[in-house]
Amino acid sequence: MLTHLAIQDFAVVRAAELDFGPGLTVISGETGAGKSLLVDALGFLSGARADSGVVRHGAQRAELVAVFDLADAPEAAAWLREQELDDDGQACQLRRTIRADGGSKAWINGRPATIAQLAELAAMLVEIHGQHEHQALMSRASQLALLDAFGRNDARLADVQAAARRWTALVRERDALSQRGDPGDRIAFLGHQLVELARDALEPTAFAELVATHKRHAHAAGLIAACDGASSKLGGEDGPSLGRQLQQVRNELARQAEHEPRLLEIDAMLDTAAIQLDEAASLLERVRSDLDLDPNAFDALDRKLTQLHDLARKHRVAPDALAAQRDAVEAEVASLQGSEARVRALDGEIDAARAAWSTAAAALTQARTQAADALSASTTALIGELGMGGGRFSVSIEPNTGADPDPHGAERIEFLVAANLGQPPRALRKVASGGELSRISLAIEVAALGLDAVPTMVFDEVDSGIGGAVADIVGQKLRALGAKRQALCVTHLPQVAAQGHAHYFVSKAASDGMTQSAVRRLEAKEREEELARMLGGVEVSKEARAAARRLLADAN
């Protein structure tokens, strides 16, 4: 429930704060005073697109704040917890600023939020019905959505949509497989590739080892000469070797160590060097034993490398990627071999998906038919109460002509109206009279409202175009609606204003060379005077005041 609304520098409003309670709150005022600005403020707080034109002239930004009690909005409270925007309380604050340059920012419970988040949350808190709400009812899509909301068909519609999406996905998969054509030729072509790849392709590590072996054989003569030369210098028997020279150095130093202790440290280092020389000589011997001048082995390695490079060029990959190419070909062959079986399986799955859709759609059709009968009866009764005796409202349900499962169901609907007794029903969108259309639309809205969990409903002069006894009925209907949901109504009709549990008055005056609007809550005597003004115009007569008292007495 909306409990507080604060407006600053918004259009012609410098500053205004309003407190709201349960029931029906009405808002009236002089023409052009800015009554609908309160509704516009809630619209911007509900995520409407920002417009710099709403910033009061001379101000840098407009600021709007709304506070809601969440006791009657459990869905909104759950959403806040899920988004981690809850404030561990029973209240929720929405705040939005709109700058003069068109920029906009939003907050939820003091935390920055996106406009999308603001709109998603506000949809659970407030529902706004504007002066031109009936225009949406001209659309058959809107009519279908209203009928499903009236019939509480969310779950059934979700089943139909899921079945339709499943059918569509399966058909697309089958079409994609079918567009490949006969996989037999492709499988045969890939089979030849796979034979040579499986025979010749090497894993990257094996290819690297082959390249290294080839390189050793290509430089075998130089490697053998280098190893022999190094071996003779390290520990050869002919001539002085590094090992013997190192031992001679150690012996000379050992004889002098008693005179210089630091020579012992050097001897220890040379001892380590001697060990390293021995290990190097042993490794050098093993390397030399692996080297062999074998022209035949080198030619075999060279042919193998040439063969792999040729195969790599054929498949347009690097030689060390041939194994990966082999795996890819194997995977494609397996996929193609399974595609024929998959197409056959898809035919069965598509038939099953269509059957599932038909079952879900039939259940939705039955529920829509029942909802259509109930909405027709309720709206027809309200049309009569709104001064269109003999008028009838009905919902036409016709099967869809399409052959494919439709996510919207198996039928299309249209709202039909016979405005007077004896007239044939016509599509609502073809009703010519604006007054009749306004009353019929209001009857449909009243019949369908109050069904969802949105705790606050706002009406912006939806009673436009009616008056007299019909206005009394409209006011009574809105007051009855206020008994179930909090209702706010901007009105120019005294019959509607009298039905409010609370009454706000919007006035305008010139200040500092600018027109400004102000809002105040009316007490009992002030309400009587305002209703008299609404009844009698500028000059308020005794008769108008008496009529105003009667309206208030009848409402109470």
Protein backbone atom coordinates (compact mmCIF):
# COMPACT_ATOMS: atom_id res chain seq x y z
CA MET A 1 0.00 0.00 0.00
CA LEU A 2 1.25 3.49 -0.90
CA THR A 3 1.72 5.44 2.34
CA HIS A 4 3.68 8.53 1.30
CA LEU A 5 4.46 10.50 -1.87
CA ALA A 6 6.91 13.41 -1.96
CA ILE A 7 7.38 15.61 -5.03
CA GLN A 8 9.93 18.39 -5.51
CA ASP A 9 10.48 20.66 -8.53
CA PHE A 10 8.23 18.49 -10.69
CA ALA A 11 6.45 20.38 -13.51
CA VAL A 12 4.53 23.20 -11.75
CA VAL A 13 4.91 21.67 -8.28
CA ARG A 14 7.66 23.23 -6.18
CA ALA A 15 7.20 20.83 -3.28
CA ALA A 16 4.37 18.59 -2.09
CA GLU A 17 4.04 15.73 0.37
CA LEU A 18 0.99 13.46 0.62
CA ASP A 19 0.13 10.70 3.08
CA PHE A 20 -2.23 7.92 2.00
CA GLY A 21 -4.25 5.32 3.85
CA PRO A 22 -6.38 2.36 2.83
CA GLY A 23 -9.62 2.64 0.86
CA LEU A 24 -10.41 5.10 -1.95
CA THR A 25 -8.53 8.40 -2.06
CA VAL A 26 -9.84 10.97 -4.56
CA ILE A 27 -7.94 13.91 -6.02
CA SER A 28 -9.77 16.88 -7.52
CA GLY A 29 -8.94 20.44 -8.50
CA GLU A 30 -9.39 23.18 -11.00
CA THR A 31 -8.77 22.55 -14.67
CA GLY A 32 -5.05 22.87 -15.39
CA ALA A 33 -4.10 22.79 -11.71
CA GLY A 34 -2.00 19.67 -12.20
CA LYS A 35 -4.20 16.92 -10.73
CA SER A 36 -2.70 14.29 -13.02
CA LEU A 37 0.84 15.26 -12.03
CA LEU A 38 0.51 13.00 -8.99
CA VAL A 39 -0.26 10.10 -11.31
CA ASP A 40 2.61 11.13 -13.59
CA ALA A 41 4.96 11.14 -10.59
CA LEU A 42 3.97 7.57 -9.76
CA GLY A 43 4.45 6.70 -13.42
CA PHE A 44 8.06 7.92 -13.36
CA LEU A 45 8.60 6.06 -10.08
CA SER A 46 7.30 2.98 -11.90
CA GLY A 47 10.01 3.23 -14.55
CA ALA A 48 8.46 5.48 -17.20
CA ARG A 49 10.94 7.04 -19.61
CA ALA A 50 12.55 10.20 -18.25
CA ASP A 51 11.65 13.54 -19.85
CA SER A 52 13.56 16.71 -18.97
CA GLY A 53 10.39 18.68 -19.64
CA VAL A 54 8.96 17.55 -16.28
CA VAL A 55 11.65 19.46 -14.36
CA ARG A 56 10.22 22.70 -12.98
CA HIS A 57 11.47 25.74 -14.88
CA GLY A 58 14.58 27.14 -13.23
CA ALA A 59 15.31 23.98 -11.20
CA GLN A 60 18.26 21.66 -11.80
CA ARG A 61 16.36 18.45 -11.20
CA ALA A 62 13.03 16.97 -10.12
CA GLU A 63 12.96 14.55 -7.21
CA LEU A 64 10.24 11.97 -6.57
CA VAL A 65 9.90 9.65 -3.57
CA ALA A 66 7.24 7.04 -2.79
CA VAL A 67 7.01 4.86 0.31
CA PHE A 68 5.04 1.60 0.31
CA ASP A 69 3.95 -0.60 3.19
CA LEU A 70 4.82 -4.19 2.24
CA ALA A 71 2.34 -5.90 4.58
CA ASP A 72 -0.02 -6.46 1.63
CA ALA A 73 2.74 -7.01 -0.97
CA PRO A 74 4.51 -10.32 -0.15
CA GLU A 75 5.64 -10.77 -3.75
CA ALA A 76 7.43 -7.41 -3.69
CA ALA A 77 8.99 -8.22 -0.30
CA ALA A 78 10.30 -11.53 -1.67
CA TRP A 79 11.71 -9.76 -4.75
CA LEU A 80 13.55 -7.26 -2.57
CA ARG A 81 15.13 -10.07 -0.54
CA GLU A 82 16.18 -11.89 -3.70
CA GLN A 83 17.77 -8.74 -5.12
CA GLU A 84 19.37 -7.94 -1.74
CA LEU A 85 17.59 -4.58 -1.74
CA ASP A 86 15.43 -5.23 1.33
CA ASP A 87 15.79 -3.01 4.37
CA ASP A 88 14.78 -5.58 7.03
CA GLY A 89 11.50 -3.74 7.50
CA GLN A 90 7.91 -3.61 6.35
CA ALA A 91 8.39 -0.48 4.22
CA CYS A 92 9.97 0.12 0.83
CA GLN A 93 11.13 3.45 -0.58
CA LEU A 94 11.38 4.21 -4.30
CA ARG A 95 13.28 7.35 -5.26
CA ARG A 96 14.05 8.88 -8.63
CA THR A 97 15.65 12.10 -9.82
CA ILE A 98 15.32 13.56 -13.30
CA ARG A 99 17.84 16.23 -14.30
CA ALA A 100 17.11 19.22 -16.51
CA ASP A 101 19.49 17.76 -19.12
CA GLY A 102 17.38 14.58 -19.29
CA GLY A 103 19.56 12.36 -17.12
CA SER A 104 17.91 10.13 -14.56
CA LYS A 105 18.87 8.08 -11.49
CA ALA A 106 16.91 5.66 -9.32
CA TRP A 107 17.22 4.20 -5.82
CA ILE A 108 15.43 1.41 -3.98
CA ASN A 109 15.66 1.62 -0.20
CA GLY A 110 18.52 4.08 -0.58
CA ARG A 111 20.57 1.77 -2.82
CA PRO A 112 21.28 2.63 -6.49
CA ALA A 113 19.04 0.68 -8.86
CA THR A 114 18.45 0.43 -12.59
CA ILE A 115 15.28 1.74 -14.20
CA ALA A 116 14.48 -1.86 -15.17
CA GLN A 117 14.66 -2.90 -11.50
CA LEU A 118 12.47 0.05 -10.54
CA ALA A 119 9.87 -0.95 -13.13
CA GLU A 120 9.93 -4.61 -12.12
CA LEU A 121 9.40 -3.81 -8.45
CA ALA A 122 6.79 -1.09 -9.06
CA ALA A 123 4.72 -3.53 -11.13
CA MET A 124 4.21 -5.53 -7.94
CA LEU A 125 3.21 -2.44 -5.94
CA VAL A 126 1.07 -0.16 -8.10
CA GLU A 127 -1.12 -0.44 -11.20
CA ILE A 128 -1.94 2.75 -13.11
CA HIS A 129 -5.03 3.17 -15.31
CA GLY A 130 -4.85 6.33 -17.37
CA GLN A 131 -7.44 8.38 -19.21
CA HIS A 132 -6.75 6.49 -22.41
CA GLU A 133 -6.58 3.02 -20.91
CA HIS A 134 -9.39 1.89 -23.21
CA GLN A 135 -7.05 2.32 -26.20
CA ALA A 136 -5.12 -0.75 -25.09
CA LEU A 137 -8.36 -2.73 -25.13
CA MET A 138 -8.59 -2.16 -28.88
CA SER A 139 -5.73 -4.60 -29.38
CA ARG A 140 -6.70 -8.26 -29.63
CA ALA A 141 -3.43 -9.18 -27.93
CA SER A 142 -4.36 -6.96 -24.96
CA GLN A 143 -7.84 -8.49 -24.89
CA LEU A 144 -6.35 -11.98 -24.76
CA ALA A 145 -3.97 -10.95 -21.97
CA LEU A 146 -6.88 -9.45 -20.00
CA LEU A 147 -8.99 -12.59 -20.46
CA ASP A 148 -6.13 -14.80 -19.25
CA ALA A 149 -5.57 -12.52 -16.25
CA PHE A 150 -9.30 -12.67 -15.49
CA GLY A 151 -9.27 -16.47 -15.76
CA ARG A 152 -5.99 -16.82 -13.82
CA ASN A 153 -4.53 -18.82 -16.69
CA ASP A 154 -0.84 -18.09 -16.05
CA ALA A 155 0.12 -21.72 -15.36
CA ARG A 156 -1.91 -23.11 -18.27
CA LEU A 157 -0.52 -20.51 -20.66
CA ALA A 158 3.03 -21.30 -19.48
CA ASP A 159 2.45 -25.00 -20.29
CA VAL A 160 1.26 -24.09 -23.80
CA GLN A 161 4.23 -21.79 -24.38
CA ALA A 162 6.72 -24.40 -23.15
CA ALA A 163 5.22 -27.09 -25.41
CA ALA A 164 5.27 -24.72 -28.40
CA ARG A 165 8.90 -23.79 -27.76
CA ARG A 166 9.82 -27.48 -27.46
CA TRP A 167 8.10 -28.28 -30.78
CA THR A 168 9.80 -25.34 -32.53
CA ALA A 169 13.26 -26.30 -31.24
CA LEU A 170 12.86 -29.89 -32.41
CA VAL A 171 11.67 -28.85 -35.88
CA ARG A 172 14.63 -26.51 -36.24
CA GLU A 173 17.03 -29.27 -35.24
CA ARG A 174 15.49 -31.65 -37.78
CA ASP A 175 15.62 -28.99 -40.51
CA ALA A 176 19.27 -28.28 -39.76
CA LEU A 177 20.15 -31.98 -40.03
CA SER A 178 18.12 -32.38 -43.20
CA GLN A 179 19.87 -29.44 -44.87
CA ARG A 180 23.14 -31.38 -44.69
CA GLY A 181 21.78 -33.72 -47.33
CA ASP A 182 22.66 -37.43 -47.61
CA PRO A 183 25.55 -37.98 -45.18
CA GLY A 184 26.71 -41.14 -47.03
CA ASP A 185 29.00 -39.35 -49.51
CA ARG A 186 30.50 -37.20 -46.79
CA ILE A 187 31.10 -40.24 -44.57
CA ALA A 188 32.87 -42.05 -47.45
CA PHE A 189 35.07 -39.01 -48.18
CA LEU A 190 35.99 -38.59 -44.53
CA GLY A 191 36.66 -42.32 -44.26
CA HIS A 192 39.51 -42.07 -46.78
CA GLN A 193 40.97 -39.14 -44.85
CA LEU A 194 40.65 -41.00 -41.60
CA VAL A 195 42.58 -44.03 -42.94
CA GLU A 196 45.68 -41.99 -43.80
CA LEU A 197 45.43 -39.82 -40.70
CA ALA A 198 45.09 -42.83 -38.43
CA ARG A 199 48.09 -44.45 -40.14
CA ASP A 200 50.47 -41.48 -40.30
CA ALA A 201 49.40 -38.77 -37.84
CA LEU A 202 51.62 -38.40 -34.78
CA GLU A 203 50.80 -36.89 -31.42
CA PRO A 204 52.57 -33.53 -30.88
CA THR A 205 55.11 -35.01 -28.47
CA ALA A 206 55.96 -37.86 -30.86
CA PHE A 207 56.34 -35.42 -33.77
CA ALA A 208 58.69 -33.24 -31.71
CA GLU A 209 60.78 -36.31 -30.86
CA LEU A 210 60.92 -37.30 -34.55
CA VAL A 211 62.14 -33.81 -35.49
CA ALA A 212 64.84 -33.96 -32.78
CA THR A 213 66.03 -37.43 -33.92
CA HIS A 214 66.18 -36.25 -37.53
CA LYS A 215 68.24 -33.26 -36.48
CA ARG A 216 70.72 -35.50 -34.59
CA HIS A 217 71.19 -37.76 -37.62
CA ALA A 218 71.62 -34.77 -39.91
CA HIS A 219 74.49 -33.47 -37.76
CA ALA A 220 75.88 -36.86 -36.63
CA ALA A 221 79.41 -36.36 -38.02
CA GLY A 222 79.94 -33.02 -36.32
CA LEU A 223 78.41 -34.30 -33.07
CA ILE A 224 80.71 -37.36 -33.02
CA ALA A 225 83.80 -35.22 -33.63
CA ALA A 226 82.81 -32.77 -30.93
CA CYS A 227 82.12 -35.54 -28.42
CA ASP A 228 85.42 -37.32 -29.13
CA GLY A 229 87.41 -34.09 -28.83
CA ALA A 230 85.72 -33.10 -25.59
CA SER A 231 86.16 -36.59 -24.16
CA SER A 232 89.92 -36.60 -24.80
CA LYS A 233 90.29 -33.18 -23.17
CA LEU A 234 88.21 -34.09 -20.13
CA GLY A 235 89.87 -37.37 -19.23
CA GLY A 236 91.83 -38.70 -22.20
CA GLU A 237 95.01 -40.75 -21.65
CA ASP A 238 97.04 -38.91 -24.30
CA GLY A 239 98.31 -35.55 -23.17
CA PRO A 240 97.19 -33.50 -20.17
CA SER A 241 93.46 -33.76 -19.37
CA LEU A 242 91.32 -31.36 -17.40
CA GLY A 243 90.87 -33.99 -14.71
CA ARG A 244 94.60 -34.54 -14.19
CA GLN A 245 95.33 -30.82 -14.31
CA LEU A 246 92.65 -30.19 -11.70
CA GLN A 247 94.15 -32.86 -9.44
CA GLN A 248 97.60 -31.32 -9.79
CA VAL A 249 96.21 -27.93 -8.74
CA ARG A 250 94.56 -29.50 -5.69
CA ASN A 251 97.81 -31.25 -4.69
CA GLU A 252 99.82 -28.01 -4.91
CA LEU A 253 97.29 -26.12 -2.84
CA ALA A 254 97.08 -28.92 -0.25
CA ARG A 255 100.83 -28.59 0.43
CA GLN A 256 100.37 -24.90 1.26
CA ALA A 257 97.07 -25.17 3.16
CA GLU A 258 98.78 -25.36 6.54
CA HIS A 259 100.06 -21.82 5.95
CA GLU A 260 96.74 -20.43 4.61
CA PRO A 261 93.53 -22.09 5.94
CA ARG A 262 91.39 -20.41 3.26
CA LEU A 263 93.01 -22.68 0.69
CA LEU A 264 90.95 -25.51 2.22
CA GLU A 265 87.78 -23.74 1.11
CA ILE A 266 89.17 -23.53 -2.41
CA ASP A 267 90.08 -27.21 -2.31
CA ALA A 268 86.48 -28.06 -1.35
CA MET A 269 85.22 -26.08 -4.34
CA LEU A 270 87.66 -27.84 -6.66
CA ASP A 271 86.54 -31.17 -5.22
CA THR A 272 82.99 -30.37 -6.28
CA ALA A 273 84.30 -29.32 -9.70
CA ALA A 274 86.10 -32.64 -10.02
CA ILE A 275 82.88 -34.52 -9.31
CA GLN A 276 81.05 -32.43 -11.95
CA LEU A 277 83.85 -33.16 -14.46
CA ASP A 278 83.50 -36.89 -13.84
CA GLU A 279 79.71 -36.75 -14.30
CA ALA A 280 80.11 -34.66 -17.46
CA ALA A 281 82.57 -37.17 -18.87
CA SER A 282 80.20 -40.06 -18.15
CA LEU A 283 77.25 -38.27 -19.81
CA LEU A 284 79.44 -37.35 -22.76
CA GLU A 285 80.34 -41.03 -23.19
CA ARG A 286 76.66 -42.02 -23.17
CA VAL A 287 75.80 -39.34 -25.75
CA ARG A 288 78.68 -40.51 -27.95
CA SER A 289 77.50 -44.11 -27.78
CA ASP A 290 74.04 -43.05 -29.05
CA LEU A 291 75.49 -41.36 -32.13
CA ASP A 292 75.78 -43.37 -35.31
CA LEU A 293 76.60 -42.47 -38.90
CA ASP A 294 73.76 -44.48 -40.50
CA PRO A 295 72.72 -42.98 -43.88
CA ASN A 296 69.83 -45.43 -44.20
CA ALA A 297 68.32 -44.42 -40.85
CA PHE A 298 68.65 -40.75 -41.78
CA ASP A 299 66.95 -41.32 -45.14
CA ALA A 300 64.08 -43.14 -43.42
CA LEU A 301 63.61 -40.28 -40.97
CA ASP A 302 63.77 -37.73 -43.79
CA ARG A 303 61.10 -39.58 -45.79
CA LYS A 304 58.86 -39.80 -42.72
CA LEU A 305 59.11 -36.05 -42.07
CA THR A 306 58.46 -35.25 -45.73
CA GLN A 307 55.41 -37.50 -45.69
CA LEU A 308 54.02 -35.77 -42.56
CA HIS A 309 54.57 -32.29 -44.03
CA ASP A 310 52.79 -33.32 -47.24
CA LEU A 311 49.88 -34.71 -45.21
CA ALA A 312 49.72 -31.51 -43.16
CA ARG A 313 49.57 -29.34 -46.30
CA LYS A 314 46.78 -31.54 -47.66
CA HIS A 315 44.68 -30.98 -44.54
CA ARG A 316 45.81 -27.35 -44.15
CA VAL A 317 47.14 -27.79 -40.64
CA ALA A 318 50.57 -27.74 -38.98
CA PRO A 319 52.34 -31.15 -38.84
CA ASP A 320 52.05 -31.27 -35.04
CA ALA A 321 48.25 -30.69 -35.38
CA LEU A 322 47.63 -33.81 -37.50
CA ALA A 323 46.52 -35.83 -34.48
CA ALA A 324 43.95 -33.16 -33.57
CA GLN A 325 42.72 -33.17 -37.18
CA ARG A 326 42.35 -36.96 -36.98
CA ASP A 327 40.24 -36.63 -33.83
CA ALA A 328 38.07 -33.95 -35.48
CA VAL A 329 37.42 -36.15 -38.51
CA GLU A 330 36.54 -39.06 -36.24
CA ALA A 331 34.06 -36.85 -34.36
CA GLU A 332 32.42 -35.62 -37.58
CA VAL A 333 32.09 -39.17 -38.89
CA ALA A 334 30.46 -40.23 -35.63
CA SER A 335 28.10 -37.25 -35.80
CA LEU A 336 27.13 -37.98 -39.40
CA GLN A 337 26.59 -41.64 -38.66
CA GLY A 338 24.27 -40.64 -35.80
CA SER A 339 22.44 -37.92 -37.78
CA GLU A 340 20.31 -40.40 -39.76
CA ALA A 341 19.19 -42.08 -36.55
CA ARG A 342 18.66 -38.66 -34.94
CA VAL A 343 16.39 -37.53 -37.79
CA ARG A 344 14.28 -40.64 -37.34
CA ALA A 345 14.13 -40.07 -33.58
CA LEU A 346 13.25 -36.39 -34.08
CA ASP A 347 10.18 -37.30 -36.11
CA GLY A 348 8.83 -39.15 -33.11
CA GLU A 349 9.81 -36.41 -30.66
CA ILE A 350 8.15 -33.76 -32.83
CA ASP A 351 4.92 -35.74 -32.91
CA ALA A 352 5.08 -36.12 -29.12
CA ALA A 353 5.72 -32.39 -28.67
CA ARG A 354 2.74 -31.56 -30.86
CA ALA A 355 0.57 -33.93 -28.83
CA ALA A 356 1.77 -32.31 -25.60
CA TRP A 357 0.93 -28.89 -27.00
CA SER A 358 -2.51 -30.07 -28.09
CA THR A 359 -3.24 -31.38 -24.59
CA ALA A 360 -2.04 -28.16 -22.93
CA ALA A 361 -3.84 -25.99 -25.47
CA ALA A 362 -7.10 -27.88 -24.96
CA ALA A 363 -6.92 -27.26 -21.21
CA LEU A 364 -6.24 -23.56 -21.86
CA THR A 365 -9.14 -23.37 -24.33
CA GLN A 366 -11.52 -24.82 -21.76
CA ALA A 367 -10.33 -22.36 -19.10
CA ARG A 368 -10.60 -19.43 -21.53
CA THR A 369 -14.13 -20.44 -22.48
CA GLN A 370 -15.18 -20.47 -18.83
CA ALA A 371 -13.43 -17.14 -18.19
CA ALA A 372 -15.07 -15.63 -21.29
CA ASP A 373 -18.53 -16.62 -20.04
CA ALA A 374 -17.85 -15.16 -16.60
CA LEU A 375 -16.31 -11.93 -17.94
CA SER A 376 -19.17 -11.53 -20.41
CA ALA A 377 -21.83 -11.91 -17.71
CA SER A 378 -20.06 -9.58 -15.26
CA THR A 379 -19.32 -6.89 -17.85
CA THR A 380 -22.84 -7.04 -19.33
CA ALA A 381 -24.29 -6.45 -15.87
CA LEU A 382 -21.95 -3.50 -15.31
CA ILE A 383 -22.81 -2.02 -18.72
CA GLY A 384 -26.45 -1.96 -17.66
CA GLU A 385 -25.53 -0.25 -14.40
CA LEU A 386 -23.53 2.34 -16.31
CA GLY A 387 -26.58 3.56 -18.21
CA MET A 388 -26.51 1.28 -21.27
CA GLY A 389 -29.62 -0.77 -20.63
CA GLY A 390 -29.99 -3.59 -23.11
CA GLY A 391 -26.30 -3.51 -23.92
CA ARG A 392 -24.43 -6.79 -24.10
CA PHE A 393 -20.77 -7.74 -23.91
CA SER A 394 -19.37 -11.05 -25.11
CA VAL A 395 -16.05 -12.66 -25.93
CA SER A 396 -15.75 -14.32 -29.33
CA ILE A 397 -13.47 -17.37 -29.38
CA GLU A 398 -12.40 -18.75 -32.77
CA PRO A 399 -9.87 -21.49 -33.62
CA ASN A 400 -6.53 -20.41 -34.99
CA THR A 401 -6.04 -21.05 -38.69
CA GLY A 402 -2.33 -21.84 -38.39
CA ALA A 403 -1.17 -25.44 -38.57
CA ASP A 404 1.80 -25.07 -36.22
CA PRO A 405 1.58 -25.05 -32.42
CA ASP A 406 1.04 -21.44 -31.34
CA PRO A 407 2.59 -20.25 -28.04
CA HIS A 408 -0.53 -18.13 -27.47
CA GLY A 409 -2.88 -21.10 -27.67
CA ALA A 410 -5.25 -22.73 -30.11
CA GLU A 411 -7.67 -19.81 -30.46
CA ARG A 412 -7.94 -16.11 -31.04
CA ILE A 413 -10.43 -13.91 -29.26
CA GLU A 414 -12.19 -10.61 -29.75
CA PHE A 415 -14.34 -8.51 -27.44
CA LEU A 416 -17.79 -7.90 -28.93
CA VAL A 417 -20.35 -5.31 -27.83
CA ALA A 418 -23.98 -4.57 -28.60
CA ALA A 419 -24.49 -1.09 -27.18
CA ASN A 420 -28.30 -1.23 -27.28
CA LEU A 421 -31.03 -3.81 -27.19
CA GLY A 422 -31.66 -5.41 -30.57
CA GLN A 423 -28.34 -4.34 -32.08
CA PRO A 424 -25.99 -7.04 -33.40
CA PRO A 425 -22.71 -7.43 -31.53
CA ARG A 426 -19.76 -5.60 -33.06
CA ALA A 427 -16.03 -5.65 -32.37
CA LEU A 428 -15.13 -3.32 -29.51
CA ARG A 429 -12.57 -1.60 -31.75
CA LYS A 430 -15.37 -0.60 -34.12
CA VAL A 431 -17.58 1.07 -31.52
CA ALA A 432 -17.99 4.63 -32.80
CA SER A 433 -19.29 6.54 -29.77
CA GLY A 434 -16.54 7.79 -27.48
CA GLY A 435 -18.91 7.94 -24.53
CA GLU A 436 -20.08 4.38 -25.07
CA LEU A 437 -16.51 3.19 -25.52
CA SER A 438 -15.44 4.91 -22.30
CA ARG A 439 -18.25 3.31 -20.28
CA ILE A 440 -17.77 -0.13 -21.84
CA SER A 441 -14.04 0.01 -21.19
CA LEU A 442 -14.64 1.08 -17.60
CA ALA A 443 -17.09 -1.79 -17.14
CA ILE A 444 -14.50 -4.28 -18.45
CA GLU A 445 -11.81 -2.81 -16.19
CA VAL A 446 -14.04 -2.90 -13.11
CA ALA A 447 -15.03 -6.48 -13.89
CA ALA A 448 -11.40 -7.56 -14.28
CA LEU A 449 -9.72 -5.44 -11.62
CA GLY A 450 -8.81 -6.54 -8.15
CA LEU A 451 -7.90 -10.03 -9.30
CA ASP A 452 -4.13 -9.80 -8.94
CA ALA A 453 -1.91 -9.16 -5.96
CA VAL A 454 -1.05 -5.53 -6.79
CA PRO A 455 -2.08 -3.63 -3.63
CA THR A 456 -2.47 -0.12 -5.07
CA MET A 457 -4.57 0.93 -8.09
CA VAL A 458 -4.46 4.41 -9.58
CA PHE A 459 -7.15 5.85 -11.89
CA ASP A 460 -6.50 9.04 -13.85
CA GLU A 461 -9.91 10.43 -14.88
CA VAL A 462 -11.13 7.09 -16.23
CA ASP A 463 -14.62 8.49 -15.57
CA SER A 464 -14.21 10.98 -18.42
CA GLY A 465 -17.25 11.25 -20.68
CA ILE A 466 -19.87 10.15 -18.16
CA GLY A 467 -22.08 11.96 -15.67
CA GLY A 468 -25.37 11.95 -13.80
CA ALA A 469 -26.63 8.67 -12.41
CA VAL A 470 -23.89 6.79 -14.24
CA ALA A 471 -21.31 8.82 -12.35
CA ASP A 472 -22.94 7.68 -9.09
CA ILE A 473 -22.51 4.07 -10.16
CA VAL A 474 -18.88 4.63 -11.15
CA GLY A 475 -18.15 6.20 -7.80
CA GLN A 476 -19.81 3.31 -5.96
CA LYS A 477 -17.82 0.77 -7.98
CA LEU A 478 -14.54 2.52 -7.23
CA ARG A 479 -15.41 2.75 -3.53
CA ALA A 480 -16.24 -0.97 -3.51
CA LEU A 481 -12.92 -1.65 -5.22
CA GLY A 482 -11.23 0.42 -2.50
CA ALA A 483 -12.59 -2.02 0.06
CA LYS A 484 -10.41 -4.73 -1.53
CA ARG A 485 -7.42 -2.70 -2.69
CA GLN A 486 -6.06 0.74 -2.03
CA ALA A 487 -7.43 2.96 -4.82
CA LEU A 488 -6.41 6.48 -5.89
CA CYS A 489 -8.62 8.32 -8.35
CA VAL A 490 -8.10 11.66 -10.09
CA THR A 491 -11.61 12.85 -10.95
CA HIS A 492 -13.65 15.84 -12.09
CA LEU A 493 -16.97 14.26 -11.07
CA PRO A 494 -18.48 15.23 -7.69
CA GLN A 495 -20.38 11.93 -7.58
CA VAL A 496 -17.06 10.06 -7.70
CA ALA A 497 -15.24 12.47 -5.39
CA ALA A 498 -17.94 12.06 -2.74
CA GLN A 499 -17.22 8.32 -2.55
CA GLY A 500 -13.63 8.81 -1.41
CA HIS A 501 -12.53 7.84 2.05
CA ALA A 502 -9.99 10.68 1.75
CA HIS A 503 -9.92 13.74 -0.52
CA TYR A 504 -6.97 15.80 -1.80
CA PHE A 505 -7.39 19.12 -3.56
CA VAL A 506 -4.93 20.51 -6.13
CA SER A 507 -4.83 24.25 -6.63
CA LYS A 508 -2.68 26.62 -8.65
CA ALA A 509 -1.52 30.16 -8.05
CA ALA A 510 1.03 32.62 -9.38
CA SER A 511 4.17 33.09 -7.30
CA ASP A 512 7.36 34.91 -8.26
CA GLY A 513 6.03 35.33 -11.78
CA MET A 514 5.40 31.59 -12.20
CA THR A 515 2.37 29.34 -11.90
CA GLN A 516 2.73 26.84 -9.10
CA SER A 517 0.54 24.02 -7.89
CA ALA A 518 -0.14 23.02 -4.30
CA VAL A 519 -1.83 19.94 -2.82
CA ARG A 520 -3.64 19.68 0.50
CA ARG A 521 -5.91 17.20 2.20
CA LEU A 522 -9.47 18.42 2.70
CA GLU A 523 -11.30 18.15 5.99
CA ALA A 524 -15.05 17.51 6.18
CA LYS A 525 -16.20 21.12 5.68
CA GLU A 526 -13.64 21.71 2.94
CA ARG A 527 -14.80 18.59 1.14
CA GLU A 528 -18.35 19.85 1.13
CA GLU A 529 -17.21 23.16 -0.34
CA GLU A 530 -15.11 21.44 -3.02
CA LEU A 531 -17.99 19.17 -4.05
CA ALA A 532 -20.23 22.21 -4.23
CA ARG A 533 -17.68 23.89 -6.50
CA MET A 534 -17.56 20.79 -8.70
CA LEU A 535 -21.37 20.84 -8.87
CA GLY A 536 -21.96 24.53 -9.35
CA GLY A 537 -18.89 26.04 -10.94
CA VAL A 538 -17.28 29.32 -9.94
CA GLU A 539 -20.30 30.70 -8.09
CA VAL A 540 -21.18 28.24 -5.33
CA SER A 541 -24.88 28.41 -4.43
CA LYS A 542 -26.80 27.19 -1.41
CA GLU A 543 -28.36 24.53 -3.63
CA ALA A 544 -24.91 23.29 -4.65
CA ARG A 545 -23.81 23.07 -1.02
CA ALA A 546 -26.99 21.18 -0.11
CA ALA A 547 -26.40 18.77 -3.00
CA ALA A 548 -22.82 18.29 -1.86
CA ARG A 549 -23.97 17.42 1.67
CA ARG A 550 -26.39 14.85 0.21
CA LEU A 551 -23.66 13.27 -1.88
CA LEU A 552 -21.41 12.90 1.17
CA ALA A 553 -24.26 11.56 3.29
CA ASP A 554 -25.22 9.02 0.63
CA ALA A 555 -21.59 7.90 0.27
CA ASN A 556 -21.25 7.36 4.00
